[in-house]
Amino acid sequence: MTHQPTTTAQMDDTSVTVLPAPATLQEIKIYGHSTLLYWWPAWAFGFVFALLNSAQEQFLTTDPGARPSSALGLTYVSILLLLIVSTNIRMRGINSVVALISMAFVAVLLAWFGWWDQIVKVIPSLGVHMNTEFYLVFSTGLLAVWLVMFFVFDRLSYWRVRPGQMTVEYLVGDGAESFDTSGLHFQKLRSDLFRAALGFGSGDLKVTAAGNQGSTIEIPNVMFADRKVQAIEKLIAVKPDRTS
């Protein structure tokens, strides 16, 4: 057992020995989230569109001959479709770049043949309208589900990383599993461009044990994944006896 140094202070001919405070055991908690994490634009834009649609409805009451615009409805439908595609199809690394290049190529191709003008002419004739109550009810319900998933269900289990030990904790039930961090390798999988943008730098973490036959653990949709990996690598490099 190593003896901690002590500090002696002299005050009014009285010696006071000050013992160092015990070091606080550091730990990092890792939460994996469901794909609903990326659906915040649906309820956020829904509330914004509710305000815009309310203003549009007020304008229509003052001008009986005016027709409601389909711009809000089409934009909201486009947002929902984009979220459905981006949360169900993983486009990591080069695949996300290829997807962006493909979309840009299609846009340029339509402009080259002059088809954008035809598309723009068709859009005003499309009657895509949602009233203000729809935006409010749908966005409020989706927000409630999002909050429950993010703050309750996604936190029922998590990974606790300490110097020398990694443990999976379950808030419901008594199950737990521990791993020795010696030889563990933490890695963030290749970024999914859309998910990283919508999930505040989120990504999937891969934990691999030492050796060719080492087990592999994947933790999906971890927010601020890059910073988590850097902090974990620094933490597991600390010897356990230094924090006791």
C-alpha atoms as a PDB file:
ATOM      1  CA  MET A   1       0.000   0.000   0.000  1.00  0.00           C
ATOM      2  CA  THR A   2       1.423   3.367  -0.968  1.00  0.00           C
ATOM      3  CA  HIS A   3       1.188   6.188   1.531  1.00  0.00           C
ATOM      4  CA  GLN A   4      -0.319   9.462   0.348  1.00  0.00           C
ATOM      5  CA  PRO A   5       1.807  12.512   1.144  1.00  0.00           C
ATOM      6  CA  THR A   6       0.476  14.789   3.810  1.00  0.00           C
ATOM      7  CA  THR A   7       0.650  18.537   4.086  1.00  0.00           C
ATOM      8  CA  THR A   8       1.490  20.218   7.407  1.00  0.00           C
ATOM      9  CA  ALA A   9       0.479  23.815   7.973  1.00  0.00           C
ATOM     10  CA  GLN A  10       1.768  25.954  10.869  1.00  0.00           C
ATOM     11  CA  MET A  11      -0.686  28.445  12.354  1.00  0.00           C
ATOM     12  CA  ASP A  12      -0.446  30.039  15.809  1.00  0.00           C
ATOM     13  CA  ASP A  13       2.040  27.394  17.023  1.00  0.00           C
ATOM     14  CA  THR A  14      -0.507  24.668  16.143  1.00  0.00           C
ATOM     15  CA  SER A  15       0.318  22.009  13.569  1.00  0.00           C
ATOM     16  CA  VAL A  16      -2.575  21.019  11.291  1.00  0.00           C
ATOM     17  CA  THR A  17      -2.190  17.940   9.121  1.00  0.00           C
ATOM     18  CA  VAL A  18      -4.229  18.038   5.897  1.00  0.00           C
ATOM     19  CA  LEU A  19      -4.914  14.687   4.236  1.00  0.00           C
ATOM     20  CA  PRO A  20      -5.586  14.631   0.492  1.00  0.00           C
ATOM     21  CA  ALA A  21      -9.173  13.980  -0.554  1.00  0.00           C
ATOM     22  CA  PRO A  22      -9.731  10.565  -2.158  1.00  0.00           C
ATOM     23  CA  ALA A  23      -9.851  10.655  -5.927  1.00  0.00           C
ATOM     24  CA  THR A  24     -13.281  10.452  -7.463  1.00  0.00           C
ATOM     25  CA  LEU A  25     -13.862   7.345  -9.529  1.00  0.00           C
ATOM     26  CA  GLN A  26     -14.384   8.523 -13.091  1.00  0.00           C
ATOM     27  CA  GLU A  27     -16.868   6.899 -15.404  1.00  0.00           C
ATOM     28  CA  ILE A  28     -18.475   7.436 -18.775  1.00  0.00           C
ATOM     29  CA  LYS A  29     -22.011   6.383 -19.607  1.00  0.00           C
ATOM     30  CA  ILE A  30     -22.896   5.365 -23.158  1.00  0.00           C
ATOM     31  CA  TYR A  31     -26.522   5.432 -24.274  1.00  0.00           C
ATOM     32  CA  GLY A  32     -27.671   3.819 -27.494  1.00  0.00           C
ATOM     33  CA  HIS A  33     -30.754   5.398 -29.048  1.00  0.00           C
ATOM     34  CA  SER A  34     -33.463   4.217 -31.377  1.00  0.00           C
ATOM     35  CA  THR A  35     -33.811   5.636 -34.885  1.00  0.00           C
ATOM     36  CA  LEU A  36     -36.579   7.885 -33.553  1.00  0.00           C
ATOM     37  CA  LEU A  37     -33.722  10.122 -32.373  1.00  0.00           C
ATOM     38  CA  TYR A  38     -33.490  11.499 -35.920  1.00  0.00           C
ATOM     39  CA  TRP A  39     -37.164  12.391 -36.185  1.00  0.00           C
ATOM     40  CA  TRP A  40     -36.975  15.701 -34.323  1.00  0.00           C
ATOM     41  CA  PRO A  41     -37.270  17.729 -37.592  1.00  0.00           C
ATOM     42  CA  ALA A  42     -40.758  16.244 -38.101  1.00  0.00           C
ATOM     43  CA  TRP A  43     -42.189  17.783 -34.937  1.00  0.00           C
ATOM     44  CA  ALA A  44     -39.974  20.887 -34.997  1.00  0.00           C
ATOM     45  CA  PHE A  45     -40.959  21.844 -38.554  1.00  0.00           C
ATOM     46  CA  GLY A  46     -44.525  20.789 -37.778  1.00  0.00           C
ATOM     47  CA  PHE A  47     -44.856  23.545 -35.175  1.00  0.00           C
ATOM     48  CA  VAL A  48     -43.248  26.063 -37.541  1.00  0.00           C
ATOM     49  CA  PHE A  49     -45.583  25.082 -40.354  1.00  0.00           C
ATOM     50  CA  ALA A  50     -48.559  25.347 -37.983  1.00  0.00           C
ATOM     51  CA  LEU A  51     -47.714  29.023 -37.469  1.00  0.00           C
ATOM     52  CA  LEU A  52     -47.200  29.610 -41.184  1.00  0.00           C
ATOM     53  CA  ASN A  53     -50.398  27.774 -42.080  1.00  0.00           C
ATOM     54  CA  SER A  54     -52.351  29.756 -39.482  1.00  0.00           C
ATOM     55  CA  ALA A  55     -51.133  32.975 -41.103  1.00  0.00           C
ATOM     56  CA  GLN A  56     -52.127  31.611 -44.514  1.00  0.00           C
ATOM     57  CA  GLU A  57     -55.613  30.729 -43.273  1.00  0.00           C
ATOM     58  CA  GLN A  58     -56.032  34.221 -41.851  1.00  0.00           C
ATOM     59  CA  PHE A  59     -55.077  35.645 -45.238  1.00  0.00           C
ATOM     60  CA  LEU A  60     -57.577  33.423 -47.051  1.00  0.00           C
ATOM     61  CA  THR A  61     -60.430  34.637 -44.839  1.00  0.00           C
ATOM     62  CA  THR A  62     -59.728  38.225 -45.893  1.00  0.00           C
ATOM     63  CA  ASP A  63     -59.437  37.328 -49.592  1.00  0.00           C
ATOM     64  CA  PRO A  64     -62.158  34.811 -50.550  1.00  0.00           C
ATOM     65  CA  GLY A  65     -60.817  34.484 -54.097  1.00  0.00           C
ATOM     66  CA  ALA A  66     -57.357  33.342 -53.018  1.00  0.00           C
ATOM     67  CA  ARG A  67     -56.356  29.679 -53.179  1.00  0.00           C
ATOM     68  CA  PRO A  68     -54.276  28.006 -50.457  1.00  0.00           C
ATOM     69  CA  SER A  69     -50.727  27.253 -51.498  1.00  0.00           C
ATOM     70  CA  SER A  70     -49.476  23.681 -51.605  1.00  0.00           C
ATOM     71  CA  ALA A  71     -45.919  24.730 -50.745  1.00  0.00           C
ATOM     72  CA  LEU A  72     -46.254  23.981 -47.023  1.00  0.00           C
ATOM     73  CA  GLY A  73     -47.905  20.616 -47.569  1.00  0.00           C
ATOM     74  CA  LEU A  74     -45.417  19.486 -50.209  1.00  0.00           C
ATOM     75  CA  THR A  75     -42.464  20.637 -48.111  1.00  0.00           C
ATOM     76  CA  TYR A  76     -43.713  18.779 -45.052  1.00  0.00           C
ATOM     77  CA  VAL A  77     -44.360  15.608 -47.039  1.00  0.00           C
ATOM     78  CA  SER A  78     -40.835  15.884 -48.490  1.00  0.00           C
ATOM     79  CA  ILE A  79     -39.371  16.191 -44.979  1.00  0.00           C
ATOM     80  CA  LEU A  80     -41.235  13.096 -43.814  1.00  0.00           C
ATOM     81  CA  LEU A  81     -40.143  11.086 -46.861  1.00  0.00           C
ATOM     82  CA  LEU A  82     -36.521  12.158 -46.378  1.00  0.00           C
ATOM     83  CA  LEU A  83     -36.645  11.097 -42.726  1.00  0.00           C
ATOM     84  CA  ILE A  84     -38.134   7.728 -43.633  1.00  0.00           C
ATOM     85  CA  VAL A  85     -35.395   7.059 -46.177  1.00  0.00           C
ATOM     86  CA  SER A  86     -32.489   8.362 -44.065  1.00  0.00           C
ATOM     87  CA  THR A  87     -33.508   6.429 -40.938  1.00  0.00           C
ATOM     88  CA  ASN A  88     -34.130   3.121 -42.689  1.00  0.00           C
ATOM     89  CA  ILE A  89     -31.282   3.082 -45.204  1.00  0.00           C
ATOM     90  CA  ARG A  90     -27.738   3.365 -43.872  1.00  0.00           C
ATOM     91  CA  MET A  91     -25.402   5.240 -46.172  1.00  0.00           C
ATOM     92  CA  ARG A  92     -22.021   5.175 -44.478  1.00  0.00           C
ATOM     93  CA  GLY A  93     -18.793   6.599 -45.825  1.00  0.00           C
ATOM     94  CA  ILE A  94     -18.542   6.583 -49.595  1.00  0.00           C
ATOM     95  CA  ASN A  95     -22.180   5.514 -49.956  1.00  0.00           C
ATOM     96  CA  SER A  96     -23.408   8.814 -48.505  1.00  0.00           C
ATOM     97  CA  VAL A  97     -21.127  10.733 -50.874  1.00  0.00           C
ATOM     98  CA  VAL A  98     -22.434   8.703 -53.822  1.00  0.00           C
ATOM     99  CA  ALA A  99     -26.012   9.436 -52.753  1.00  0.00           C
ATOM    100  CA  LEU A 100     -25.355  13.194 -52.640  1.00  0.00           C
ATOM    101  CA  ILE A 101     -23.588  13.126 -56.004  1.00  0.00           C
ATOM    102  CA  SER A 102     -26.479  11.134 -57.495  1.00  0.00           C
ATOM    103  CA  MET A 103     -29.064  13.627 -56.242  1.00  0.00           C
ATOM    104  CA  ALA A 104     -26.976  16.515 -57.586  1.00  0.00           C
ATOM    105  CA  PHE A 105     -26.620  14.716 -60.934  1.00  0.00           C
ATOM    106  CA  VAL A 106     -30.394  14.210 -61.193  1.00  0.00           C
ATOM    107  CA  ALA A 107     -30.982  17.889 -60.361  1.00  0.00           C
ATOM    108  CA  VAL A 108     -28.493  19.000 -63.040  1.00  0.00           C
ATOM    109  CA  LEU A 109     -29.967  16.533 -65.536  1.00  0.00           C
ATOM    110  CA  LEU A 110     -33.477  17.900 -65.012  1.00  0.00           C
ATOM    111  CA  ALA A 111     -32.165  21.439 -65.452  1.00  0.00           C
ATOM    112  CA  TRP A 112     -30.239  20.443 -68.613  1.00  0.00           C
ATOM    113  CA  PHE A 113     -33.378  19.121 -70.309  1.00  0.00           C
ATOM    114  CA  GLY A 114     -35.481  21.993 -68.985  1.00  0.00           C
ATOM    115  CA  TRP A 115     -37.792  19.715 -67.020  1.00  0.00           C
ATOM    116  CA  TRP A 116     -37.695  21.813 -63.869  1.00  0.00           C
ATOM    117  CA  ASP A 117     -40.012  24.340 -65.535  1.00  0.00           C
ATOM    118  CA  GLN A 118     -42.524  21.605 -66.232  1.00  0.00           C
ATOM    119  CA  ILE A 119     -42.298  20.341 -62.655  1.00  0.00           C
ATOM    120  CA  VAL A 120     -42.788  23.838 -61.250  1.00  0.00           C
ATOM    121  CA  LYS A 121     -45.867  24.272 -63.435  1.00  0.00           C
ATOM    122  CA  VAL A 122     -47.371  21.043 -62.102  1.00  0.00           C
ATOM    123  CA  ILE A 123     -46.770  21.841 -58.421  1.00  0.00           C
ATOM    124  CA  PRO A 124     -49.345  24.675 -58.140  1.00  0.00           C
ATOM    125  CA  SER A 125     -52.035  22.360 -59.478  1.00  0.00           C
ATOM    126  CA  LEU A 126     -51.358  19.802 -56.737  1.00  0.00           C
ATOM    127  CA  GLY A 127     -53.778  20.184 -53.856  1.00  0.00           C
ATOM    128  CA  VAL A 128     -51.681  19.119 -50.864  1.00  0.00           C
ATOM    129  CA  HIS A 129     -53.092  20.882 -47.811  1.00  0.00           C
ATOM    130  CA  MET A 130     -53.044  20.197 -44.073  1.00  0.00           C
ATOM    131  CA  ASN A 131     -54.861  22.504 -41.723  1.00  0.00           C
ATOM    132  CA  THR A 132     -53.280  24.069 -38.671  1.00  0.00           C
ATOM    133  CA  GLU A 133     -54.918  21.571 -36.311  1.00  0.00           C
ATOM    134  CA  PHE A 134     -53.259  18.684 -38.162  1.00  0.00           C
ATOM    135  CA  TYR A 135     -49.798  20.209 -37.801  1.00  0.00           C
ATOM    136  CA  LEU A 136     -50.370  20.902 -34.093  1.00  0.00           C
ATOM    137  CA  VAL A 137     -51.865  17.502 -33.209  1.00  0.00           C
ATOM    138  CA  PHE A 138     -49.367  15.493 -35.247  1.00  0.00           C
ATOM    139  CA  SER A 139     -46.342  17.457 -34.002  1.00  0.00           C
ATOM    140  CA  THR A 140     -47.471  17.368 -30.371  1.00  0.00           C
ATOM    141  CA  GLY A 141     -48.069  13.625 -30.478  1.00  0.00           C
ATOM    142  CA  LEU A 142     -44.744  12.971 -32.192  1.00  0.00           C
ATOM    143  CA  LEU A 143     -42.936  15.227 -29.709  1.00  0.00           C
ATOM    144  CA  ALA A 144     -44.467  13.312 -26.787  1.00  0.00           C
ATOM    145  CA  VAL A 145     -43.364   9.980 -28.263  1.00  0.00           C
ATOM    146  CA  TRP A 146     -39.891  11.378 -29.010  1.00  0.00           C
ATOM    147  CA  LEU A 147     -39.442  12.645 -25.437  1.00  0.00           C
ATOM    148  CA  VAL A 148     -40.586   9.348 -23.909  1.00  0.00           C
ATOM    149  CA  MET A 149     -38.233   7.348 -26.130  1.00  0.00           C
ATOM    150  CA  PHE A 150     -35.264   9.667 -25.591  1.00  0.00           C
ATOM    151  CA  PHE A 151     -35.546  10.167 -21.827  1.00  0.00           C
ATOM    152  CA  VAL A 152     -37.167   6.880 -20.738  1.00  0.00           C
ATOM    153  CA  PHE A 153     -36.934   3.846 -23.013  1.00  0.00           C
ATOM    154  CA  ASP A 154     -33.510   4.624 -24.495  1.00  0.00           C
ATOM    155  CA  ARG A 155     -32.099   4.945 -20.957  1.00  0.00           C
ATOM    156  CA  LEU A 156     -33.412   1.678 -19.548  1.00  0.00           C
ATOM    157  CA  SER A 157     -30.066   0.129 -20.449  1.00  0.00           C
ATOM    158  CA  TYR A 158     -26.680   1.748 -20.887  1.00  0.00           C
ATOM    159  CA  TRP A 159     -22.955   1.022 -20.823  1.00  0.00           C
ATOM    160  CA  ARG A 160     -20.845   2.229 -17.906  1.00  0.00           C
ATOM    161  CA  VAL A 161     -17.116   2.521 -18.628  1.00  0.00           C
ATOM    162  CA  ARG A 162     -14.627   2.802 -15.769  1.00  0.00           C
ATOM    163  CA  PRO A 163     -10.879   2.268 -15.592  1.00  0.00           C
ATOM    164  CA  GLY A 164     -10.436  -1.475 -15.949  1.00  0.00           C
ATOM    165  CA  GLN A 165     -14.110  -2.352 -16.357  1.00  0.00           C
ATOM    166  CA  MET A 166     -17.032  -1.899 -18.738  1.00  0.00           C
ATOM    167  CA  THR A 167     -20.494  -2.907 -17.521  1.00  0.00           C
ATOM    168  CA  VAL A 168     -23.877  -2.988 -19.199  1.00  0.00           C
ATOM    169  CA  GLU A 169     -26.529  -1.792 -16.751  1.00  0.00           C
ATOM    170  CA  TYR A 170     -30.263  -2.537 -16.898  1.00  0.00           C
ATOM    171  CA  LEU A 171     -32.591  -0.284 -14.928  1.00  0.00           C
ATOM    172  CA  VAL A 172     -35.399  -2.835 -15.191  1.00  0.00           C
ATOM    173  CA  GLY A 173     -34.386  -6.228 -13.832  1.00  0.00           C
ATOM    174  CA  ASP A 174     -31.239  -7.348 -12.071  1.00  0.00           C
ATOM    175  CA  GLY A 175     -29.245  -8.420 -15.105  1.00  0.00           C
ATOM    176  CA  ALA A 176     -25.739  -7.046 -15.598  1.00  0.00           C
ATOM    177  CA  GLU A 177     -22.665  -8.026 -17.555  1.00  0.00           C
ATOM    178  CA  SER A 178     -19.096  -6.827 -17.068  1.00  0.00           C
ATOM    179  CA  PHE A 179     -16.042  -6.814 -19.317  1.00  0.00           C
ATOM    180  CA  ASP A 180     -12.388  -6.210 -18.599  1.00  0.00           C
ATOM    181  CA  THR A 181     -11.226  -3.157 -20.565  1.00  0.00           C
ATOM    182  CA  SER A 182      -7.735  -4.609 -21.030  1.00  0.00           C
ATOM    183  CA  GLY A 183      -7.380  -5.079 -24.757  1.00  0.00           C
ATOM    184  CA  LEU A 184     -10.773  -3.582 -25.626  1.00  0.00           C
ATOM    185  CA  HIS A 185     -10.822  -1.420 -28.733  1.00  0.00           C
ATOM    186  CA  PHE A 186     -13.443   1.285 -29.190  1.00  0.00           C
ATOM    187  CA  GLN A 187     -14.209   2.442 -32.710  1.00  0.00           C
ATOM    188  CA  LYS A 188     -16.774   4.687 -34.324  1.00  0.00           C
ATOM    189  CA  LEU A 189     -18.063   3.101 -37.503  1.00  0.00           C
ATOM    190  CA  ARG A 190     -17.959   5.057 -40.736  1.00  0.00           C
ATOM    191  CA  SER A 191     -20.187   8.092 -40.560  1.00  0.00           C
ATOM    192  CA  ASP A 192     -23.649   8.146 -42.009  1.00  0.00           C
ATOM    193  CA  LEU A 193     -23.835  11.698 -43.342  1.00  0.00           C
ATOM    194  CA  PHE A 194     -27.577  12.161 -42.855  1.00  0.00           C
ATOM    195  CA  ARG A 195     -27.719  10.579 -39.406  1.00  0.00           C
ATOM    196  CA  ALA A 196     -24.664  12.465 -38.211  1.00  0.00           C
ATOM    197  CA  ALA A 197     -26.291  15.749 -39.260  1.00  0.00           C
ATOM    198  CA  LEU A 198     -29.677  14.949 -37.725  1.00  0.00           C
ATOM    199  CA  GLY A 199     -28.334  13.223 -34.600  1.00  0.00           C
ATOM    200  CA  PHE A 200     -25.833  15.862 -33.427  1.00  0.00           C
ATOM    201  CA  GLY A 201     -22.746  13.924 -34.451  1.00  0.00           C
ATOM    202  CA  SER A 202     -24.243  10.557 -33.606  1.00  0.00           C
ATOM    203  CA  GLY A 203     -22.821   7.295 -34.831  1.00  0.00           C
ATOM    204  CA  ASP A 204     -22.548   3.592 -34.099  1.00  0.00           C
ATOM    205  CA  LEU A 205     -19.811   2.481 -31.696  1.00  0.00           C
ATOM    206  CA  LYS A 206     -18.055  -0.841 -32.140  1.00  0.00           C
ATOM    207  CA  VAL A 207     -16.303  -2.452 -29.190  1.00  0.00           C
ATOM    208  CA  THR A 208     -13.918  -5.313 -29.997  1.00  0.00           C
ATOM    209  CA  ALA A 209     -12.110  -7.532 -27.513  1.00  0.00           C
ATOM    210  CA  ALA A 210      -8.446  -8.430 -27.960  1.00  0.00           C
ATOM    211  CA  GLY A 211      -7.497 -11.350 -30.191  1.00  0.00           C
ATOM    212  CA  ASN A 212      -8.763 -12.706 -33.461  1.00  0.00           C
ATOM    213  CA  GLN A 213     -11.665 -14.474 -31.755  1.00  0.00           C
ATOM    214  CA  GLY A 214     -12.606 -11.489 -29.619  1.00  0.00           C
ATOM    215  CA  SER A 215     -16.277 -10.722 -29.186  1.00  0.00           C
ATOM    216  CA  THR A 216     -17.783  -7.653 -30.818  1.00  0.00           C
ATOM    217  CA  ILE A 217     -20.382  -5.308 -29.368  1.00  0.00           C
ATOM    218  CA  GLU A 218     -22.176  -2.629 -31.375  1.00  0.00           C
ATOM    219  CA  ILE A 219     -23.940   0.274 -29.678  1.00  0.00           C
ATOM    220  CA  PRO A 220     -26.210   2.087 -32.153  1.00  0.00           C
ATOM    221  CA  ASN A 221     -26.916   5.791 -32.503  1.00  0.00           C
ATOM    222  CA  VAL A 222     -24.625   7.185 -29.801  1.00  0.00           C
ATOM    223  CA  MET A 223     -24.704  10.975 -29.646  1.00  0.00           C
ATOM    224  CA  PHE A 224     -21.367  12.816 -29.938  1.00  0.00           C
ATOM    225  CA  ALA A 225     -19.731   9.513 -30.861  1.00  0.00           C
ATOM    226  CA  ASP A 226     -16.309  10.944 -31.728  1.00  0.00           C
ATOM    227  CA  ARG A 227     -15.958  12.720 -28.382  1.00  0.00           C
ATOM    228  CA  LYS A 228     -17.180   9.606 -26.570  1.00  0.00           C
ATOM    229  CA  VAL A 229     -14.500   7.442 -28.182  1.00  0.00           C
ATOM    230  CA  GLN A 230     -11.732   9.926 -27.354  1.00  0.00           C
ATOM    231  CA  ALA A 231     -12.865  10.239 -23.734  1.00  0.00           C
ATOM    232  CA  ILE A 232     -13.175   6.457 -23.340  1.00  0.00           C
ATOM    233  CA  GLU A 233      -9.690   5.835 -24.749  1.00  0.00           C
ATOM    234  CA  LYS A 234      -8.221   8.255 -22.217  1.00  0.00           C
ATOM    235  CA  LEU A 235     -10.230   6.742 -19.372  1.00  0.00           C
ATOM    236  CA  ILE A 236      -9.399   3.080 -19.983  1.00  0.00           C
ATOM    237  CA  ALA A 237      -5.713   3.985 -20.264  1.00  0.00           C
ATOM    238  CA  VAL A 238      -5.815   4.848 -16.532  1.00  0.00           C
ATOM    239  CA  LYS A 239      -4.842   1.993 -14.235  1.00  0.00           C
ATOM    240  CA  PRO A 240      -7.644   1.056 -11.815  1.00  0.00           C
ATOM    241  CA  ASP A 241      -5.409   1.347  -8.740  1.00  0.00           C
ATOM    242  CA  ARG A 242      -4.822   5.017  -9.493  1.00  0.00           C
ATOM    243  CA  THR A 243      -8.454   5.858  -8.935  1.00  0.00           C
ATOM    244  CA  SER A 244      -8.974   3.818  -5.769  1.00  0.00           C
END
